């Protein structure tokens, strides 16, 4: 499904046409068509060269995607979207949630690490109380779950930090708890492992509770993850 008119109106400024000083060169392809091509790749996970003919050439879509990522416009759009939702009371930072997902790195590249299956990347994400993304980070899959937590929170879309951050048993770490309180003023909550005690969670409460990496460069892979976050946030704008 391609972009709706309201969504396109928000995203299109990312791909403002650029002209050479000498006036030469071909005119830019239609912005909406390019965006839809990028999002088709995101939704399907297909290689860029499999982009259907109804979209602009895959080289054009890939080049414009990279320009958007390198310029920082994609990150700024995410921040603006999150700020707008916060200002309208649609974000809940009283409790946020963190988890990781493995993404098989077909083309290898950097920021990958061995797992029991192959060599993968790890997507770390933090969502608010309504399960809307407020931070995302890509790291090597070989790092322990507790290692990228602080780096992920540093990449949050809002200046504010969540009051309480909740993770599963993989995040059970007293040193991590202490660092989160000291650096960010965040209370970290995770179930204790069976080796520690039978307590349900660290504060006594019961917890609530991008598949393939096709990009060689980790920056482009993270850009695709950010595009997915943009689509989620746009549903609520």
C-alpha atoms as a PDB file:
ATOM      1  CA  UNK A   1       0.000   0.000   0.000  1.00  0.00           C
ATOM      2  CA  UNK A   2       1.390   3.401  -1.012  1.00  0.00           C
ATOM      3  CA  UNK A   3       1.353   6.553   1.091  1.00  0.00           C
ATOM      4  CA  UNK A   4      -1.922   8.283   1.822  1.00  0.00           C
ATOM      5  CA  UNK A   5      -2.120  11.984   0.924  1.00  0.00           C
ATOM      6  CA  UNK A   6      -1.812  13.117   4.556  1.00  0.00           C
ATOM      7  CA  UNK A   7       1.248  10.913   5.141  1.00  0.00           C
ATOM      8  CA  UNK A   8       2.885  12.023   1.922  1.00  0.00           C
ATOM      9  CA  UNK A   9       2.423  15.665   2.891  1.00  0.00           C
ATOM     10  CA  UNK A  10       4.528  15.047   6.002  1.00  0.00           C
ATOM     11  CA  UNK A  11       7.245  12.972   4.342  1.00  0.00           C
ATOM     12  CA  UNK A  12       7.720  14.763   1.026  1.00  0.00           C
ATOM     13  CA  UNK A  13       9.762  17.675   2.469  1.00  0.00           C
ATOM     14  CA  UNK A  14      12.524  15.138   3.164  1.00  0.00           C
ATOM     15  CA  UNK A  15      13.091  14.762  -0.563  1.00  0.00           C
ATOM     16  CA  UNK A  16      13.055  18.363  -1.737  1.00  0.00           C
ATOM     17  CA  UNK A  17      14.281  18.620  -5.339  1.00  0.00           C
ATOM     18  CA  UNK A  18      17.861  19.766  -5.805  1.00  0.00           C
ATOM     19  CA  UNK A  19      19.229  21.451  -8.887  1.00  0.00           C
ATOM     20  CA  UNK A  20      22.764  21.690 -10.174  1.00  0.00           C
ATOM     21  CA  UNK A  21      24.254  25.172 -10.223  1.00  0.00           C
ATOM     22  CA  UNK A  22      24.838  24.955 -13.991  1.00  0.00           C
ATOM     23  CA  UNK A  23      21.227  23.910 -14.578  1.00  0.00           C
ATOM     24  CA  UNK A  24      22.224  20.644 -16.236  1.00  0.00           C
ATOM     25  CA  UNK A  25      21.121  17.146 -15.371  1.00  0.00           C
ATOM     26  CA  UNK A  26      17.773  15.411 -15.401  1.00  0.00           C
ATOM     27  CA  UNK A  27      14.878  16.762 -13.336  1.00  0.00           C
ATOM     28  CA  UNK A  28      14.137  14.898 -10.118  1.00  0.00           C
ATOM     29  CA  UNK A  29      11.674  12.023 -10.200  1.00  0.00           C
ATOM     30  CA  UNK A  30       8.300  12.575  -8.548  1.00  0.00           C
ATOM     31  CA  UNK A  31       8.880  12.731  -4.797  1.00  0.00           C
ATOM     32  CA  UNK A  32       5.805  10.707  -3.813  1.00  0.00           C
ATOM     33  CA  UNK A  33       6.726   7.953  -6.284  1.00  0.00           C
ATOM     34  CA  UNK A  34      10.263   7.741  -4.895  1.00  0.00           C
ATOM     35  CA  UNK A  35       8.982   7.552  -1.328  1.00  0.00           C
ATOM     36  CA  UNK A  36       6.569   4.797  -2.261  1.00  0.00           C
ATOM     37  CA  UNK A  37       9.429   2.895  -3.883  1.00  0.00           C
ATOM     38  CA  UNK A  38      11.552   3.134  -0.728  1.00  0.00           C
ATOM     39  CA  UNK A  39       8.643   2.011   1.420  1.00  0.00           C
ATOM     40  CA  UNK A  40       7.935  -0.937  -0.902  1.00  0.00           C
ATOM     41  CA  UNK A  41      11.483  -2.146  -0.255  1.00  0.00           C
ATOM     42  CA  UNK A  42      10.954  -1.642   3.472  1.00  0.00           C
ATOM     43  CA  UNK A  43       7.692  -3.591   3.561  1.00  0.00           C
ATOM     44  CA  UNK A  44       8.827  -6.506   1.382  1.00  0.00           C
ATOM     45  CA  UNK A  45      12.492  -6.842   2.362  1.00  0.00           C
ATOM     46  CA  UNK A  46      13.289  -7.399  -1.327  1.00  0.00           C
ATOM     47  CA  UNK A  47      16.620  -6.367  -2.921  1.00  0.00           C
ATOM     48  CA  UNK A  48      16.650  -2.888  -4.409  1.00  0.00           C
ATOM     49  CA  UNK A  49      16.983  -4.223  -7.962  1.00  0.00           C
ATOM     50  CA  UNK A  50      13.642  -6.071  -7.577  1.00  0.00           C
ATOM     51  CA  UNK A  51      11.720  -2.802  -7.232  1.00  0.00           C
ATOM     52  CA  UNK A  52       8.647  -3.026  -9.546  1.00  0.00           C
ATOM     53  CA  UNK A  53       8.565  -0.923 -12.690  1.00  0.00           C
ATOM     54  CA  UNK A  54       5.610   1.130 -11.435  1.00  0.00           C
ATOM     55  CA  UNK A  55       8.127   2.967  -9.241  1.00  0.00           C
ATOM     56  CA  UNK A  56      11.105   5.098 -10.357  1.00  0.00           C
ATOM     57  CA  UNK A  57      14.384   3.251 -11.087  1.00  0.00           C
ATOM     58  CA  UNK A  58      15.751   1.475  -8.038  1.00  0.00           C
ATOM     59  CA  UNK A  59      19.023   3.414  -8.336  1.00  0.00           C
ATOM     60  CA  UNK A  60      17.082   6.664  -7.934  1.00  0.00           C
ATOM     61  CA  UNK A  61      15.120   5.401  -4.926  1.00  0.00           C
ATOM     62  CA  UNK A  62      18.250   4.044  -3.242  1.00  0.00           C
ATOM     63  CA  UNK A  63      20.235   7.229  -3.876  1.00  0.00           C
ATOM     64  CA  UNK A  64      17.488   9.494  -2.493  1.00  0.00           C
ATOM     65  CA  UNK A  65      17.078   7.220   0.537  1.00  0.00           C
ATOM     66  CA  UNK A  66      20.804   7.550   1.280  1.00  0.00           C
ATOM     67  CA  UNK A  67      20.677  11.332   0.840  1.00  0.00           C
ATOM     68  CA  UNK A  68      17.805  11.492   3.313  1.00  0.00           C
ATOM     69  CA  UNK A  69      19.686   9.353   5.833  1.00  0.00           C
ATOM     70  CA  UNK A  70      23.043  11.172   5.513  1.00  0.00           C
ATOM     71  CA  UNK A  71      21.492  14.630   5.831  1.00  0.00           C
ATOM     72  CA  UNK A  72      19.856  13.757   9.161  1.00  0.00           C
ATOM     73  CA  UNK A  73      16.408  14.701   7.841  1.00  0.00           C
ATOM     74  CA  UNK A  74      15.019  11.276   8.642  1.00  0.00           C
ATOM     75  CA  UNK A  75      16.074  11.576  12.278  1.00  0.00           C
ATOM     76  CA  UNK A  76      14.616  15.080  12.501  1.00  0.00           C
ATOM     77  CA  UNK A  77      11.302  13.902  11.075  1.00  0.00           C
ATOM     78  CA  UNK A  78      11.150  11.179  13.715  1.00  0.00           C
ATOM     79  CA  UNK A  79      11.863  13.728  16.432  1.00  0.00           C
ATOM     80  CA  UNK A  80       9.252  16.144  15.092  1.00  0.00           C
ATOM     81  CA  UNK A  81       6.639  13.388  14.891  1.00  0.00           C
ATOM     82  CA  UNK A  82       7.345  12.268  18.458  1.00  0.00           C
ATOM     83  CA  UNK A  83       7.262  15.848  19.758  1.00  0.00           C
ATOM     84  CA  UNK A  84       3.925  16.460  18.044  1.00  0.00           C
ATOM     85  CA  UNK A  85       2.446  13.327  19.618  1.00  0.00           C
ATOM     86  CA  UNK A  86       3.836  14.318  23.024  1.00  0.00           C
ATOM     87  CA  UNK A  87       2.387  17.838  22.790  1.00  0.00           C
ATOM     88  CA  UNK A  88      -1.031  16.391  21.953  1.00  0.00           C
ATOM     89  CA  UNK A  89      -0.885  14.002  24.909  1.00  0.00           C
ATOM     90  CA  UNK A  90      -0.593  10.871  22.785  1.00  0.00           C
ATOM     91  CA  UNK A  91       2.652   9.582  24.316  1.00  0.00           C
ATOM     92  CA  UNK A  92       2.893   7.937  27.740  1.00  0.00           C
ATOM     93  CA  UNK A  93       6.372   8.183  29.278  1.00  0.00           C
ATOM     94  CA  UNK A  94       5.329   6.987  32.725  1.00  0.00           C
ATOM     95  CA  UNK A  95       6.224   3.458  31.644  1.00  0.00           C
ATOM     96  CA  UNK A  96       8.265   2.514  28.581  1.00  0.00           C
ATOM     97  CA  UNK A  97       9.426  -0.830  27.294  1.00  0.00           C
ATOM     98  CA  UNK A  98      12.703  -2.056  25.788  1.00  0.00           C
ATOM     99  CA  UNK A  99      13.398  -5.165  23.761  1.00  0.00           C
ATOM    100  CA  UNK A 100      15.681  -6.428  21.020  1.00  0.00           C
ATOM    101  CA  UNK A 101      15.077  -8.283  17.775  1.00  0.00           C
ATOM    102  CA  UNK A 102      17.633 -10.146  15.689  1.00  0.00           C
ATOM    103  CA  UNK A 103      17.944  -9.392  11.990  1.00  0.00           C
ATOM    104  CA  UNK A 104      19.823 -11.804   9.730  1.00  0.00           C
ATOM    105  CA  UNK A 105      22.588  -9.913   7.902  1.00  0.00           C
ATOM    106  CA  UNK A 106      22.483 -11.413   4.418  1.00  0.00           C
ATOM    107  CA  UNK A 107      25.132  -9.113   3.008  1.00  0.00           C
ATOM    108  CA  UNK A 108      27.350  -9.082   6.099  1.00  0.00           C
ATOM    109  CA  UNK A 109      28.986  -5.666   6.615  1.00  0.00           C
ATOM    110  CA  UNK A 110      29.822  -4.084   9.984  1.00  0.00           C
ATOM    111  CA  UNK A 111      27.818  -4.003  13.239  1.00  0.00           C
ATOM    112  CA  UNK A 112      27.078  -7.725  13.040  1.00  0.00           C
ATOM    113  CA  UNK A 113      28.043 -10.594  15.297  1.00  0.00           C
ATOM    114  CA  UNK A 114      27.738 -14.384  15.516  1.00  0.00           C
ATOM    115  CA  UNK A 115      24.642 -16.021  16.981  1.00  0.00           C
ATOM    116  CA  UNK A 116      23.622 -19.666  17.194  1.00  0.00           C
ATOM    117  CA  UNK A 117      22.071 -19.309  13.718  1.00  0.00           C
ATOM    118  CA  UNK A 118      24.463 -17.152  11.710  1.00  0.00           C
ATOM    119  CA  UNK A 119      25.870 -13.629  11.809  1.00  0.00           C
ATOM    120  CA  UNK A 120      23.172 -11.129  12.682  1.00  0.00           C
ATOM    121  CA  UNK A 121      22.437  -7.556  13.687  1.00  0.00           C
ATOM    122  CA  UNK A 122      20.345  -6.569  16.681  1.00  0.00           C
ATOM    123  CA  UNK A 123      17.617  -3.934  16.619  1.00  0.00           C
ATOM    124  CA  UNK A 124      17.139  -2.319  20.033  1.00  0.00           C
ATOM    125  CA  UNK A 125      13.898  -0.398  20.448  1.00  0.00           C
ATOM    126  CA  UNK A 126      12.179   1.513  23.236  1.00  0.00           C
ATOM    127  CA  UNK A 127       8.431   2.150  23.071  1.00  0.00           C
ATOM    128  CA  UNK A 128       6.192   4.299  25.223  1.00  0.00           C
ATOM    129  CA  UNK A 129       3.190   3.048  27.197  1.00  0.00           C
ATOM    130  CA  UNK A 130       1.129   2.953  23.983  1.00  0.00           C
ATOM    131  CA  UNK A 131       3.822   0.894  22.201  1.00  0.00           C
ATOM    132  CA  UNK A 132       4.906   3.815  19.992  1.00  0.00           C
ATOM    133  CA  UNK A 133       8.641   3.935  19.178  1.00  0.00           C
ATOM    134  CA  UNK A 134      10.595   6.604  21.061  1.00  0.00           C
ATOM    135  CA  UNK A 135      14.153   5.265  20.519  1.00  0.00           C
ATOM    136  CA  UNK A 136      15.829   2.836  18.141  1.00  0.00           C
ATOM    137  CA  UNK A 137      19.397   1.600  17.760  1.00  0.00           C
ATOM    138  CA  UNK A 138      21.209  -1.041  15.697  1.00  0.00           C
ATOM    139  CA  UNK A 139      24.071  -3.066  17.179  1.00  0.00           C
ATOM    140  CA  UNK A 140      25.995  -6.307  16.793  1.00  0.00           C
ATOM    141  CA  UNK A 141      23.943  -9.358  17.738  1.00  0.00           C
ATOM    142  CA  UNK A 142      26.803 -10.787  19.778  1.00  0.00           C
ATOM    143  CA  UNK A 143      26.605  -8.061  22.438  1.00  0.00           C
ATOM    144  CA  UNK A 144      24.785  -9.032  25.625  1.00  0.00           C
ATOM    145  CA  UNK A 145      21.292  -7.584  25.902  1.00  0.00           C
ATOM    146  CA  UNK A 146      22.310  -5.145  28.633  1.00  0.00           C
ATOM    147  CA  UNK A 147      25.195  -3.584  26.672  1.00  0.00           C
ATOM    148  CA  UNK A 148      23.303  -1.428  24.094  1.00  0.00           C
ATOM    149  CA  UNK A 149      20.614  -0.218  26.524  1.00  0.00           C
ATOM    150  CA  UNK A 150      22.282   3.104  27.343  1.00  0.00           C
ATOM    151  CA  UNK A 151      23.237   3.766  23.713  1.00  0.00           C
ATOM    152  CA  UNK A 152      19.621   3.165  22.710  1.00  0.00           C
ATOM    153  CA  UNK A 153      18.274   5.561  25.322  1.00  0.00           C
ATOM    154  CA  UNK A 154      20.814   8.183  24.229  1.00  0.00           C
ATOM    155  CA  UNK A 155      19.212   8.040  20.761  1.00  0.00           C
ATOM    156  CA  UNK A 156      15.713   8.777  22.064  1.00  0.00           C
ATOM    157  CA  UNK A 157      13.523  11.035  19.965  1.00  0.00           C
ATOM    158  CA  UNK A 158      12.540  13.282  22.870  1.00  0.00           C
ATOM    159  CA  UNK A 159      14.588  15.230  25.377  1.00  0.00           C
ATOM    160  CA  UNK A 160      12.478  13.764  28.173  1.00  0.00           C
ATOM    161  CA  UNK A 161      13.317  10.312  29.507  1.00  0.00           C
ATOM    162  CA  UNK A 162      10.753   7.727  30.600  1.00  0.00           C
ATOM    163  CA  UNK A 163      10.064   7.500  34.313  1.00  0.00           C
ATOM    164  CA  UNK A 164      10.292   3.703  34.288  1.00  0.00           C
ATOM    165  CA  UNK A 165      11.843   1.432  31.653  1.00  0.00           C
ATOM    166  CA  UNK A 166      10.724  -2.190  31.595  1.00  0.00           C
ATOM    167  CA  UNK A 167      12.576  -5.114  30.047  1.00  0.00           C
ATOM    168  CA  UNK A 168      12.444  -8.894  30.189  1.00  0.00           C
ATOM    169  CA  UNK A 169      14.669 -11.248  32.176  1.00  0.00           C
ATOM    170  CA  UNK A 170      17.645 -10.686  29.828  1.00  0.00           C
ATOM    171  CA  UNK A 171      18.021  -7.176  31.289  1.00  0.00           C
ATOM    172  CA  UNK A 172      18.379  -8.288  34.917  1.00  0.00           C
ATOM    173  CA  UNK A 173      21.513  -6.420  36.023  1.00  0.00           C
ATOM    174  CA  UNK A 174      22.151  -4.445  39.207  1.00  0.00           C
ATOM    175  CA  UNK A 175      25.015  -2.438  37.609  1.00  0.00           C
ATOM    176  CA  UNK A 176      22.712  -1.492  34.709  1.00  0.00           C
ATOM    177  CA  UNK A 177      19.998  -0.433  37.163  1.00  0.00           C
ATOM    178  CA  UNK A 178      22.465   1.808  38.985  1.00  0.00           C
ATOM    179  CA  UNK A 179      23.794   3.405  35.776  1.00  0.00           C
ATOM    180  CA  UNK A 180      20.297   4.090  34.478  1.00  0.00           C
ATOM    181  CA  UNK A 181      19.347   5.879  37.700  1.00  0.00           C
ATOM    182  CA  UNK A 182      22.592   7.854  37.811  1.00  0.00           C
ATOM    183  CA  UNK A 183      22.863   8.851  34.134  1.00  0.00           C
ATOM    184  CA  UNK A 184      19.225   9.238  33.115  1.00  0.00           C
ATOM    185  CA  UNK A 185      17.149   9.268  36.287  1.00  0.00           C
ATOM    186  CA  UNK A 186      15.277   6.228  34.974  1.00  0.00           C
ATOM    187  CA  UNK A 187      14.032   3.345  37.097  1.00  0.00           C
ATOM    188  CA  UNK A 188      14.811   0.099  35.279  1.00  0.00           C
ATOM    189  CA  UNK A 189      12.510  -2.852  35.913  1.00  0.00           C
ATOM    190  CA  UNK A 190      13.186  -6.451  34.845  1.00  0.00           C
ATOM    191  CA  UNK A 191      12.338  -9.894  36.217  1.00  0.00           C
ATOM    192  CA  UNK A 192      15.092 -11.516  38.219  1.00  0.00           C
ATOM    193  CA  UNK A 193      16.692 -14.584  36.690  1.00  0.00           C
ATOM    194  CA  UNK A 194      16.097 -17.937  38.355  1.00  0.00           C
ATOM    195  CA  UNK A 195      19.657 -17.785  39.676  1.00  0.00           C
ATOM    196  CA  UNK A 196      18.804 -14.739  41.820  1.00  0.00           C
ATOM    197  CA  UNK A 197      15.367 -15.269  43.347  1.00  0.00           C
ATOM    198  CA  UNK A 198      11.740 -16.101  42.585  1.00  0.00           C
ATOM    199  CA  UNK A 199      10.523 -12.522  42.836  1.00  0.00           C
ATOM    200  CA  UNK A 200       8.427 -11.598  39.779  1.00  0.00           C
ATOM    201  CA  UNK A 201      10.114  -8.271  39.054  1.00  0.00           C
ATOM    202  CA  UNK A 202      12.606  -5.923  40.627  1.00  0.00           C
ATOM    203  CA  UNK A 203       9.859  -3.720  42.037  1.00  0.00           C
ATOM    204  CA  UNK A 204       7.450  -6.529  42.880  1.00  0.00           C
ATOM    205  CA  UNK A 205       4.970  -5.869  40.051  1.00  0.00           C
ATOM    206  CA  UNK A 206       3.852  -8.193  37.290  1.00  0.00           C
ATOM    207  CA  UNK A 207       5.207  -7.001  33.935  1.00  0.00           C
ATOM    208  CA  UNK A 208       3.231  -6.123  30.798  1.00  0.00           C
ATOM    209  CA  UNK A 209       4.539  -7.182  27.947  1.00  0.00           C
ATOM    210  CA  UNK A 210      12.721  -5.325  10.389  1.00  0.00           C
ATOM    211  CA  UNK A 211      13.298  -9.464  10.145  1.00  0.00           C
ATOM    212  CA  UNK A 212      16.053  -9.447   7.493  1.00  0.00           C
ATOM    213  CA  UNK A 213      18.953  -7.006   7.191  1.00  0.00           C
ATOM    214  CA  UNK A 214      19.459  -6.605   3.456  1.00  0.00           C
ATOM    215  CA  UNK A 215      21.676  -3.508   3.694  1.00  0.00           C
ATOM    216  CA  UNK A 216      25.472  -3.882   3.803  1.00  0.00           C
ATOM    217  CA  UNK A 217      26.058  -0.555   5.568  1.00  0.00           C
ATOM    218  CA  UNK A 218      24.744  -0.437   9.153  1.00  0.00           C
ATOM    219  CA  UNK A 219      23.778   3.222   8.661  1.00  0.00           C
ATOM    220  CA  UNK A 220      21.446   2.260   5.798  1.00  0.00           C
ATOM    221  CA  UNK A 221      20.052  -0.624   7.832  1.00  0.00           C
ATOM    222  CA  UNK A 222      19.288   1.737  10.715  1.00  0.00           C
ATOM    223  CA  UNK A 223      17.754   4.137   8.197  1.00  0.00           C
ATOM    224  CA  UNK A 224      15.329   1.421   7.124  1.00  0.00           C
ATOM    225  CA  UNK A 225      14.434   0.763  10.756  1.00  0.00           C
ATOM    226  CA  UNK A 226      13.840   4.499  11.200  1.00  0.00           C
ATOM    227  CA  UNK A 227      11.576   4.491   8.145  1.00  0.00           C
ATOM    228  CA  UNK A 228       9.526   1.769   9.814  1.00  0.00           C
ATOM    229  CA  UNK A 229       9.255   3.950  12.938  1.00  0.00           C
ATOM    230  CA  UNK A 230       8.134   6.885  10.781  1.00  0.00           C
ATOM    231  CA  UNK A 231       5.300   4.781   9.345  1.00  0.00           C
ATOM    232  CA  UNK A 232       4.177   3.762  12.845  1.00  0.00           C
ATOM    233  CA  UNK A 233       4.192   7.348  14.145  1.00  0.00           C
ATOM    234  CA  UNK A 234       2.414   8.684  11.055  1.00  0.00           C
ATOM    235  CA  UNK A 235      -0.621   6.563  11.865  1.00  0.00           C
ATOM    236  CA  UNK A 236      -1.212   8.696  14.935  1.00  0.00           C
ATOM    237  CA  UNK A 237      -0.408  12.171  13.580  1.00  0.00           C
END
